[in-house]
């Protein structure tokens, strides 16, 4: 009987759902923000909301990046690159 080798199952990375926060911030909450008349620092509030969204997005991406590094994603990526480059080399040789 041919059996496939058992490989390690990658850890669940549920923290990547944090990347949905900027989308919700920009897309889902924009209609509610458009009617705010408050003008902090002389700027329209929707403009300030967008700028805050840029900062929030940067923070969330940095957090997910650090969590990925803590989970060992770099080793997983290196193994993937090695496997795909080896497969590419065999295809090129044929």
PDB file of N, CA and C in Angstrom:
ATOM      1  N   UNK A   1       0.828  -1.176   0.000  1.00  0.00           N
ATOM      2  CA  UNK A   1       0.000   0.000   0.000  1.00  0.00           C
ATOM      3  C   UNK A   1       0.871   1.238   0.000  1.00  0.00           C
ATOM      4  N   UNK A   2       0.642   2.132  -0.926  1.00  0.00           N
ATOM      5  CA  UNK A   2       1.378   3.392  -0.949  1.00  0.00           C
ATOM      6  C   UNK A   2       0.718   4.399  -0.018  1.00  0.00           C
ATOM      7  N   UNK A   3       1.515   4.893   0.885  1.00  0.00           N
ATOM      8  CA  UNK A   3       0.998   5.892   1.800  1.00  0.00           C
ATOM      9  C   UNK A   3       1.802   7.167   1.621  1.00  0.00           C
ATOM     10  N   UNK A   4       1.113   8.267   1.697  1.00  0.00           N
ATOM     11  CA  UNK A   4       1.789   9.548   1.626  1.00  0.00           C
ATOM     12  C   UNK A   4       2.507   9.805   2.934  1.00  0.00           C
ATOM     13  N   UNK A   5       3.674  10.428   2.889  1.00  0.00           N
ATOM     14  CA  UNK A   5       4.365  10.716   4.141  1.00  0.00           C
ATOM     15  C   UNK A   5       3.593  11.744   4.962  1.00  0.00           C
ATOM     16  N   UNK A   6       3.638  11.541   6.251  1.00  0.00           N
ATOM     17  CA  UNK A   6       2.963  12.458   7.159  1.00  0.00           C
ATOM     18  C   UNK A   6       3.848  13.689   7.325  1.00  0.00           C
ATOM     19  N   UNK A   7       3.280  14.826   7.046  1.00  0.00           N
ATOM     20  CA  UNK A   7       4.028  16.064   7.224  1.00  0.00           C
ATOM     21  C   UNK A   7       3.442  16.831   8.394  1.00  0.00           C
ATOM     22  N   UNK A   8       4.219  17.710   8.916  1.00  0.00           N
ATOM     23  CA  UNK A   8       3.754  18.508  10.046  1.00  0.00           C
ATOM     24  C   UNK A   8       2.637  19.441   9.592  1.00  0.00           C
ATOM     25  N   UNK A   9       1.605  19.490  10.380  1.00  0.00           N
ATOM     26  CA  UNK A   9       0.488  20.374  10.082  1.00  0.00           C
ATOM     27  C   UNK A   9       0.848  21.764  10.596  1.00  0.00           C
ATOM     28  N   UNK A  10       0.757  22.773   9.743  1.00  0.00           N
ATOM     29  CA  UNK A  10       1.106  24.108  10.199  1.00  0.00           C
ATOM     30  C   UNK A  10       0.167  24.586  11.302  1.00  0.00           C
ATOM     31  N   UNK A  11       0.708  25.394  12.169  1.00  0.00           N
ATOM     32  CA  UNK A  11      -0.079  25.916  13.278  1.00  0.00           C
ATOM     33  C   UNK A  11      -1.197  26.805  12.737  1.00  0.00           C
ATOM     34  N   UNK A  12      -2.278  26.833  13.449  1.00  0.00           N
ATOM     35  CA  UNK A  12      -3.376  27.710  13.043  1.00  0.00           C
ATOM     36  C   UNK A  12      -2.962  29.145  13.311  1.00  0.00           C
ATOM     37  N   UNK A  13      -3.165  29.937  12.353  1.00  0.00           N
ATOM     38  CA  UNK A  13      -2.788  31.348  12.493  1.00  0.00           C
ATOM     39  C   UNK A  13      -4.046  32.202  12.484  1.00  0.00           C
ATOM     40  N   UNK A  14      -4.832  32.051  13.527  1.00  0.00           N
ATOM     41  CA  UNK A  14      -6.091  32.791  13.614  1.00  0.00           C
ATOM     42  C   UNK A  14      -5.868  34.281  13.812  1.00  0.00           C
ATOM     43  N   UNK A  15      -4.691  34.664  14.267  1.00  0.00           N
ATOM     44  CA  UNK A  15      -4.415  36.084  14.469  1.00  0.00           C
ATOM     45  C   UNK A  15      -4.396  36.844  13.146  1.00  0.00           C
ATOM     46  N   UNK A  16      -4.313  36.143  12.036  1.00  0.00           N
ATOM     47  CA  UNK A  16      -4.330  36.836  10.739  1.00  0.00           C
ATOM     48  C   UNK A  16      -5.687  37.471  10.442  1.00  0.00           C
ATOM     49  N   UNK A  17      -6.698  37.097  11.204  1.00  0.00           N
ATOM     50  CA  UNK A  17      -7.993  37.759  11.062  1.00  0.00           C
ATOM     51  C   UNK A  17      -7.901  39.213  11.490  1.00  0.00           C
ATOM     52  N   UNK A  18      -6.846  39.578  12.191  1.00  0.00           N
ATOM     53  CA  UNK A  18      -6.638  40.985  12.540  1.00  0.00           C
ATOM     54  C   UNK A  18      -6.533  41.852  11.288  1.00  0.00           C
ATOM     55  N   UNK A  19      -6.112  41.254  10.180  1.00  0.00           N
ATOM     56  CA  UNK A  19      -5.979  42.003   8.935  1.00  0.00           C
ATOM     57  C   UNK A  19      -7.329  42.449   8.381  1.00  0.00           C
ATOM     58  N   UNK A  20      -8.417  41.940   8.918  1.00  0.00           N
ATOM     59  CA  UNK A  20      -9.750  42.377   8.490  1.00  0.00           C
ATOM     60  C   UNK A  20     -10.140  43.701   9.145  1.00  0.00           C
ATOM     61  N   UNK A  21      -9.486  44.065  10.233  1.00  0.00           N
ATOM     62  CA  UNK A  21      -9.829  45.303  10.944  1.00  0.00           C
ATOM     63  C   UNK A  21      -9.693  46.533  10.045  1.00  0.00           C
ATOM     64  N   UNK A  22      -8.583  46.721   9.323  1.00  0.00           N
ATOM     65  CA  UNK A  22      -8.504  47.905   8.458  1.00  0.00           C
ATOM     66  C   UNK A  22      -9.588  47.933   7.373  1.00  0.00           C
ATOM     67  N   UNK A  23      -9.950  46.778   6.854  1.00  0.00           N
ATOM     68  CA  UNK A  23     -11.008  46.739   5.837  1.00  0.00           C
ATOM     69  C   UNK A  23     -12.325  47.204   6.434  1.00  0.00           C
ATOM     70  N   UNK A  24     -12.646  46.687   7.603  1.00  0.00           N
ATOM     71  CA  UNK A  24     -13.888  47.103   8.265  1.00  0.00           C
ATOM     72  C   UNK A  24     -13.827  48.589   8.594  1.00  0.00           C
ATOM     73  N   UNK A  25     -12.679  49.043   9.048  1.00  0.00           N
ATOM     74  CA  UNK A  25     -12.487  50.459   9.385  1.00  0.00           C
ATOM     75  C   UNK A  25     -12.799  51.339   8.171  1.00  0.00           C
ATOM     76  N   UNK A  26     -12.274  50.980   7.005  1.00  0.00           N
ATOM     77  CA  UNK A  26     -12.418  51.822   5.828  1.00  0.00           C
ATOM     78  C   UNK A  26     -13.746  51.606   5.105  1.00  0.00           C
ATOM     79  N   UNK A  27     -14.151  50.378   4.937  1.00  0.00           N
ATOM     80  CA  UNK A  27     -15.316  50.090   4.094  1.00  0.00           C
ATOM     81  C   UNK A  27     -16.643  50.113   4.854  1.00  0.00           C
ATOM     82  N   UNK A  28     -16.687  49.443   5.976  1.00  0.00           N
ATOM     83  CA  UNK A  28     -17.960  49.295   6.677  1.00  0.00           C
ATOM     84  C   UNK A  28     -18.339  50.530   7.495  1.00  0.00           C
ATOM     85  N   UNK A  29     -17.354  51.221   8.022  1.00  0.00           N
ATOM     86  CA  UNK A  29     -17.667  52.354   8.889  1.00  0.00           C
ATOM     87  C   UNK A  29     -17.699  53.696   8.163  1.00  0.00           C
ATOM     88  N   UNK A  30     -17.272  53.724   6.918  1.00  0.00           N
ATOM     89  CA  UNK A  30     -17.238  54.983   6.161  1.00  0.00           C
ATOM     90  C   UNK A  30     -18.616  55.642   6.041  1.00  0.00           C
ATOM     91  N   UNK A  31     -19.700  54.925   5.767  1.00  0.00           N
ATOM     92  CA  UNK A  31     -20.996  55.595   5.679  1.00  0.00           C
ATOM     93  C   UNK A  31     -21.410  56.287   6.985  1.00  0.00           C
ATOM     94  N   UNK A  32     -21.055  55.712   8.100  1.00  0.00           N
ATOM     95  CA  UNK A  32     -21.405  56.332   9.383  1.00  0.00           C
ATOM     96  C   UNK A  32     -20.548  57.562   9.655  1.00  0.00           C
ATOM     97  N   UNK A  33     -19.338  57.577   9.165  1.00  0.00           N
ATOM     98  CA  UNK A  33     -18.406  58.668   9.420  1.00  0.00           C
ATOM     99  C   UNK A  33     -18.668  59.868   8.520  1.00  0.00           C
ATOM    100  N   UNK A  34     -19.214  59.645   7.336  1.00  0.00           N
ATOM    101  CA  UNK A  34     -19.409  60.730   6.380  1.00  0.00           C
ATOM    102  C   UNK A  34     -20.318  61.845   6.898  1.00  0.00           C
ATOM    103  N   UNK A  35     -21.202  61.544   7.828  1.00  0.00           N
ATOM    104  CA  UNK A  35     -22.144  62.549   8.315  1.00  0.00           C
ATOM    105  C   UNK A  35     -21.654  63.299   9.551  1.00  0.00           C
ATOM    106  N   UNK A  36     -20.460  63.013  10.034  1.00  0.00           N
ATOM    107  CA  UNK A  36     -19.934  63.691  11.217  1.00  0.00           C
ATOM    108  C   UNK A  36     -19.463  65.085  10.808  1.00  0.00           C
ATOM    109  N   UNK A  37     -19.949  66.105  11.516  1.00  0.00           N
ATOM    110  CA  UNK A  37     -19.629  67.491  11.156  1.00  0.00           C
ATOM    111  C   UNK A  37     -18.447  68.045  11.951  1.00  0.00           C
ATOM    112  N   UNK A  38     -17.952  67.323  12.903  1.00  0.00           N
ATOM    113  CA  UNK A  38     -16.850  67.792  13.753  1.00  0.00           C
ATOM    114  C   UNK A  38     -15.596  67.986  12.915  1.00  0.00           C
ATOM    115  N   UNK A  39     -14.866  69.075  13.115  1.00  0.00           N
ATOM    116  CA  UNK A  39     -13.658  69.353  12.330  1.00  0.00           C
ATOM    117  C   UNK A  39     -12.456  69.541  13.258  1.00  0.00           C
ATOM    118  N   UNK A  40     -11.863  68.451  13.723  1.00  0.00           N
ATOM    119  CA  UNK A  40     -10.672  68.582  14.571  1.00  0.00           C
ATOM    120  C   UNK A  40      -9.475  69.072  13.758  1.00  0.00           C
ATOM    121  N   UNK A  41      -8.695  69.976  14.353  1.00  0.00           N
ATOM    122  CA  UNK A  41      -7.506  70.545  13.701  1.00  0.00           C
ATOM    123  C   UNK A  41      -7.849  71.231  12.377  1.00  0.00           C
ATOM    124  N   UNK A  42      -9.091  71.632  12.197  1.00  0.00           N
ATOM    125  CA  UNK A  42      -9.510  72.289  10.975  1.00  0.00           C
ATOM    126  C   UNK A  42      -9.694  71.361   9.794  1.00  0.00           C
ATOM    127  N   UNK A  43      -9.618  70.059  10.032  1.00  0.00           N
ATOM    128  CA  UNK A  43      -9.789  69.067   8.961  1.00  0.00           C
ATOM    129  C   UNK A  43     -11.185  68.470   9.023  1.00  0.00           C
ATOM    130  N   UNK A  44     -11.764  68.158   7.885  1.00  0.00           N
ATOM    131  CA  UNK A  44     -13.035  67.428   7.929  1.00  0.00           C
ATOM    132  C   UNK A  44     -12.822  66.069   8.603  1.00  0.00           C
ATOM    133  N   UNK A  45     -13.803  65.669   9.407  1.00  0.00           N
ATOM    134  CA  UNK A  45     -13.641  64.428  10.165  1.00  0.00           C
ATOM    135  C   UNK A  45     -13.405  63.209   9.286  1.00  0.00           C
ATOM    136  N   UNK A  46     -14.087  63.050   8.140  1.00  0.00           N
ATOM    137  CA  UNK A  46     -13.798  61.868   7.302  1.00  0.00           C
ATOM    138  C   UNK A  46     -12.333  61.815   6.848  1.00  0.00           C
ATOM    139  N   UNK A  47     -11.724  62.961   6.604  1.00  0.00           N
ATOM    140  CA  UNK A  47     -10.309  62.975   6.205  1.00  0.00           C
ATOM    141  C   UNK A  47      -9.422  62.512   7.365  1.00  0.00           C
ATOM    142  N   UNK A  48      -9.733  63.009   8.556  1.00  0.00           N
ATOM    143  CA  UNK A  48      -8.982  62.569   9.735  1.00  0.00           C
ATOM    144  C   UNK A  48      -9.186  61.076   9.980  1.00  0.00           C
ATOM    145  N   UNK A  49     -10.398  60.580   9.731  1.00  0.00           N
ATOM    146  CA  UNK A  49     -10.715  59.154   9.880  1.00  0.00           C
ATOM    147  C   UNK A  49      -9.856  58.307   8.933  1.00  0.00           C
ATOM    148  N   UNK A  50      -9.711  58.770   7.685  1.00  0.00           N
ATOM    149  CA  UNK A  50      -8.892  58.051   6.718  1.00  0.00           C
ATOM    150  C   UNK A  50      -7.424  58.032   7.136  1.00  0.00           C
ATOM    151  N   UNK A  51      -6.929  59.164   7.634  1.00  0.00           N
ATOM    152  CA  UNK A  51      -5.532  59.209   8.082  1.00  0.00           C
ATOM    153  C   UNK A  51      -5.311  58.302   9.292  1.00  0.00           C
ATOM    154  N   UNK A  52      -6.266  58.272  10.199  1.00  0.00           N
ATOM    155  CA  UNK A  52      -6.166  57.360  11.342  1.00  0.00           C
ATOM    156  C   UNK A  52      -6.213  55.910  10.872  1.00  0.00           C
ATOM    157  N   UNK A  53      -6.986  55.651   9.820  1.00  0.00           N
ATOM    158  CA  UNK A  53      -7.050  54.297   9.251  1.00  0.00           C
ATOM    159  C   UNK A  53      -5.720  53.859   8.673  1.00  0.00           C
ATOM    160  N   UNK A  54      -4.977  54.798   8.089  1.00  0.00           N
ATOM    161  CA  UNK A  54      -3.650  54.466   7.558  1.00  0.00           C
ATOM    162  C   UNK A  54      -2.713  54.071   8.686  1.00  0.00           C
ATOM    163  N   UNK A  55      -2.759  54.815   9.773  1.00  0.00           N
ATOM    164  CA  UNK A  55      -1.916  54.489  10.934  1.00  0.00           C
ATOM    165  C   UNK A  55      -2.335  53.143  11.521  1.00  0.00           C
ATOM    166  N   UNK A  56      -3.636  52.927  11.671  1.00  0.00           N
ATOM    167  CA  UNK A  56      -4.141  51.661  12.205  1.00  0.00           C
ATOM    168  C   UNK A  56      -3.706  50.490  11.334  1.00  0.00           C
ATOM    169  N   UNK A  57      -3.802  50.645  10.022  1.00  0.00           N
ATOM    170  CA  UNK A  57      -3.404  49.586   9.102  1.00  0.00           C
ATOM    171  C   UNK A  57      -1.933  49.243   9.257  1.00  0.00           C
ATOM    172  N   UNK A  58      -1.099  50.259   9.392  1.00  0.00           N
ATOM    173  CA  UNK A  58       0.339  50.022   9.578  1.00  0.00           C
ATOM    174  C   UNK A  58       0.614  49.260  10.860  1.00  0.00           C
ATOM    175  N   UNK A  59      -0.089  49.626  11.924  1.00  0.00           N
ATOM    176  CA  UNK A  59       0.097  48.949  13.210  1.00  0.00           C
ATOM    177  C   UNK A  59      -0.361  47.495  13.134  1.00  0.00           C
ATOM    178  N   UNK A  60      -1.492  47.250  12.503  1.00  0.00           N
ATOM    179  CA  UNK A  60      -2.015  45.872  12.397  1.00  0.00           C
ATOM    180  C   UNK A  60      -1.076  45.004  11.561  1.00  0.00           C
ATOM    181  N   UNK A  61      -0.589  45.536  10.437  1.00  0.00           N
ATOM    182  CA  UNK A  61       0.326  44.759   9.598  1.00  0.00           C
ATOM    183  C   UNK A  61       1.617  44.462  10.352  1.00  0.00           C
ATOM    184  N   UNK A  62       2.141  45.436  11.091  1.00  0.00           N
ATOM    185  CA  UNK A  62       3.359  45.202  11.876  1.00  0.00           C
ATOM    186  C   UNK A  62       3.126  44.147  12.951  1.00  0.00           C
ATOM    187  N   UNK A  63       1.960  44.180  13.583  1.00  0.00           N
ATOM    188  CA  UNK A  63       1.638  43.190  14.613  1.00  0.00           C
ATOM    189  C   UNK A  63       1.552  41.789  14.021  1.00  0.00           C
ATOM    190  N   UNK A  64       0.883  41.644  12.888  1.00  0.00           N
ATOM    191  CA  UNK A  64       0.771  40.326  12.245  1.00  0.00           C
ATOM    192  C   UNK A  64       2.144  39.843  11.778  1.00  0.00           C
ATOM    193  N   UNK A  65       2.961  40.747  11.281  1.00  0.00           N
ATOM    194  CA  UNK A  65       4.319  40.384  10.869  1.00  0.00           C
ATOM    195  C   UNK A  65       5.114  39.835  12.048  1.00  0.00           C
ATOM    196  N   UNK A  66       5.030  40.511  13.204  1.00  0.00           N
ATOM    197  CA  UNK A  66       5.756  40.036  14.382  1.00  0.00           C
ATOM    198  C   UNK A  66       5.210  38.695  14.872  1.00  0.00           C
ATOM    199  N   UNK A  67       3.908  38.535  14.838  1.00  0.00           N
ATOM    200  CA  UNK A  67       3.318  37.260  15.252  1.00  0.00           C
ATOM    201  C   UNK A  67       3.718  36.142  14.302  1.00  0.00           C
ATOM    202  N   UNK A  68       3.797  36.441  13.003  1.00  0.00           N
ATOM    203  CA  UNK A  68       4.264  35.447  12.038  1.00  0.00           C
ATOM    204  C   UNK A  68       5.693  35.023  12.335  1.00  0.00           C
ATOM    205  N   UNK A  69       6.549  35.985  12.619  1.00  0.00           N
ATOM    206  CA  UNK A  69       7.945  35.661  12.931  1.00  0.00           C
ATOM    207  C   UNK A  69       8.038  34.820  14.194  1.00  0.00           C
ATOM    208  N   UNK A  70       7.205  35.118  15.178  1.00  0.00           N
ATOM    209  CA  UNK A  70       7.214  34.342  16.421  1.00  0.00           C
ATOM    210  C   UNK A  70       6.737  32.908  16.182  1.00  0.00           C
ATOM    211  N   UNK A  71       5.862  32.716  15.192  1.00  0.00           N
ATOM    212  CA  UNK A  71       5.346  31.385  14.876  1.00  0.00           C
ATOM    213  C   UNK A  71       6.283  30.591  13.969  1.00  0.00           C
ATOM    214  N   UNK A  72       7.355  31.207  13.474  1.00  0.00           N
ATOM    215  CA  UNK A  72       8.305  30.497  12.632  1.00  0.00           C
ATOM    216  C   UNK A  72       7.933  30.467  11.169  1.00  0.00           C
ATOM    217  N   UNK A  73       7.261  31.488  10.695  1.00  0.00           N
ATOM    218  CA  UNK A  73       6.833  31.513   9.300  1.00  0.00           C
ATOM    219  C   UNK A  73       8.026  31.581   8.349  1.00  0.00           C
ATOM    220  N   UNK A  74       9.137  32.146   8.799  1.00  0.00           N
ATOM    221  CA  UNK A  74      10.311  32.262   7.927  1.00  0.00           C
ATOM    222  C   UNK A  74      10.857  30.886   7.546  1.00  0.00           C
ATOM    223  N   UNK A  75      10.848  29.954   8.486  1.00  0.00           N
ATOM    224  CA  UNK A  75      11.292  28.592   8.185  1.00  0.00           C
ATOM    225  C   UNK A  75      10.358  27.921   7.179  1.00  0.00           C
ATOM    226  N   UNK A  76       9.061  28.156   7.351  1.00  0.00           N
ATOM    227  CA  UNK A  76       8.073  27.586   6.433  1.00  0.00           C
ATOM    228  C   UNK A  76       8.254  28.155   5.028  1.00  0.00           C
ATOM    229  N   UNK A  77       8.509  29.456   4.930  1.00  0.00           N
ATOM    230  CA  UNK A  77       8.728  30.080   3.629  1.00  0.00           C
ATOM    231  C   UNK A  77      10.014  29.568   2.978  1.00  0.00           C
ATOM    232  N   UNK A  78      11.066  29.381   3.776  1.00  0.00           N
ATOM    233  CA  UNK A  78      12.326  28.874   3.230  1.00  0.00           C
ATOM    234  C   UNK A  78      12.147  27.462   2.676  1.00  0.00           C
ATOM    235  N   UNK A  79      11.387  26.629   3.387  1.00  0.00           N
ATOM    236  CA  UNK A  79      11.127  25.270   2.917  1.00  0.00           C
ATOM    237  C   UNK A  79      10.306  25.298   1.626  1.00  0.00           C
ATOM    238  N   UNK A  80       9.344  26.198   1.547  1.00  0.00           N
ATOM    239  CA  UNK A  80       8.522  26.320   0.338  1.00  0.00           C
ATOM    240  C   UNK A  80       9.367  26.759  -0.849  1.00  0.00           C
ATOM    241  N   UNK A  81      10.230  27.740  -0.635  1.00  0.00           N
ATOM    242  CA  UNK A  81      11.087  28.227  -1.716  1.00  0.00           C
ATOM    243  C   UNK A  81      12.037  27.134  -2.185  1.00  0.00           C
ATOM    244  N   UNK A  82      12.593  26.379  -1.239  1.00  0.00           N
ATOM    245  CA  UNK A  82      13.499  25.294  -1.610  1.00  0.00           C
ATOM    246  C   UNK A  82      12.765  24.229  -2.417  1.00  0.00           C
ATOM    247  N   UNK A  83      11.556  23.894  -2.007  1.00  0.00           N
ATOM    248  CA  UNK A  83      10.788  22.860  -2.707  1.00  0.00           C
ATOM    249  C   UNK A  83      10.387  23.323  -4.109  1.00  0.00           C
ATOM    250  N   UNK A  84       9.964  24.571  -4.228  1.00  0.00           N
ATOM    251  CA  UNK A  84       9.525  25.049  -5.544  1.00  0.00           C
ATOM    252  C   UNK A  84      10.699  25.279  -6.480  1.00  0.00           C
ATOM    253  N   UNK A  85      11.826  25.718  -5.950  1.00  0.00           N
ATOM    254  CA  UNK A  85      12.982  25.917  -6.832  1.00  0.00           C
ATOM    255  C   UNK A  85      13.556  24.571  -7.278  1.00  0.00           C
ATOM    256  N   UNK A  86      13.467  23.552  -6.432  1.00  0.00           N
ATOM    257  CA  UNK A  86      13.920  22.218  -6.827  1.00  0.00           C
ATOM    258  C   UNK A  86      13.003  21.656  -7.915  1.00  0.00           C
ATOM    259  N   UNK A  87      11.703  21.893  -7.761  1.00  0.00           N
ATOM    260  CA  UNK A  87      10.751  21.420  -8.774  1.00  0.00           C
ATOM    261  C   UNK A  87      10.960  22.167 -10.077  1.00  0.00           C
ATOM    262  N   UNK A  88      11.241  23.444 -10.010  1.00  0.00           N
ATOM    263  CA  UNK A  88      11.501  24.239 -11.213  1.00  0.00           C
ATOM    264  C   UNK A  88      12.769  23.769 -11.903  1.00  0.00           C
ATOM    265  N   UNK A  89      13.789  23.415 -11.121  1.00  0.00           N
ATOM    266  CA  UNK A  89      15.055  22.952 -11.707  1.00  0.00           C
ATOM    267  C   UNK A  89      14.854  21.631 -12.454  1.00  0.00           C
ATOM    268  N   UNK A  90      14.031  20.726 -11.915  1.00  0.00           N
ATOM    269  CA  UNK A  90      13.789  19.463 -12.612  1.00  0.00           C
ATOM    270  C   UNK A  90      12.976  19.677 -13.880  1.00  0.00           C
ATOM    271  N   UNK A  91      12.056  20.639 -13.867  1.00  0.00           N
ATOM    272  CA  UNK A  91      11.295  20.929 -15.077  1.00  0.00           C
ATOM    273  C   UNK A  91      12.179  21.541 -16.143  1.00  0.00           C
ATOM    274  N   UNK A  92      13.102  22.396 -15.749  1.00  0.00           N
ATOM    275  CA  UNK A  92      14.003  23.020 -16.700  1.00  0.00           C
ATOM    276  C   UNK A  92      14.979  22.009 -17.297  1.00  0.00           C
ATOM    277  N   UNK A  93      15.336  20.976 -16.519  1.00  0.00           N
ATOM    278  CA  UNK A  93      16.284  19.972 -16.998  1.00  0.00           C
ATOM    279  C   UNK A  93      15.648  19.064 -18.054  1.00  0.00           C
ATOM    280  N   UNK A  94      14.334  18.947 -18.035  1.00  0.00           N
ATOM    281  CA  UNK A  94      13.656  18.043 -18.981  1.00  0.00           C
ATOM    282  C   UNK A  94      13.443  18.695 -20.273  1.00  0.00           C
TER     283      UNK A  94
END
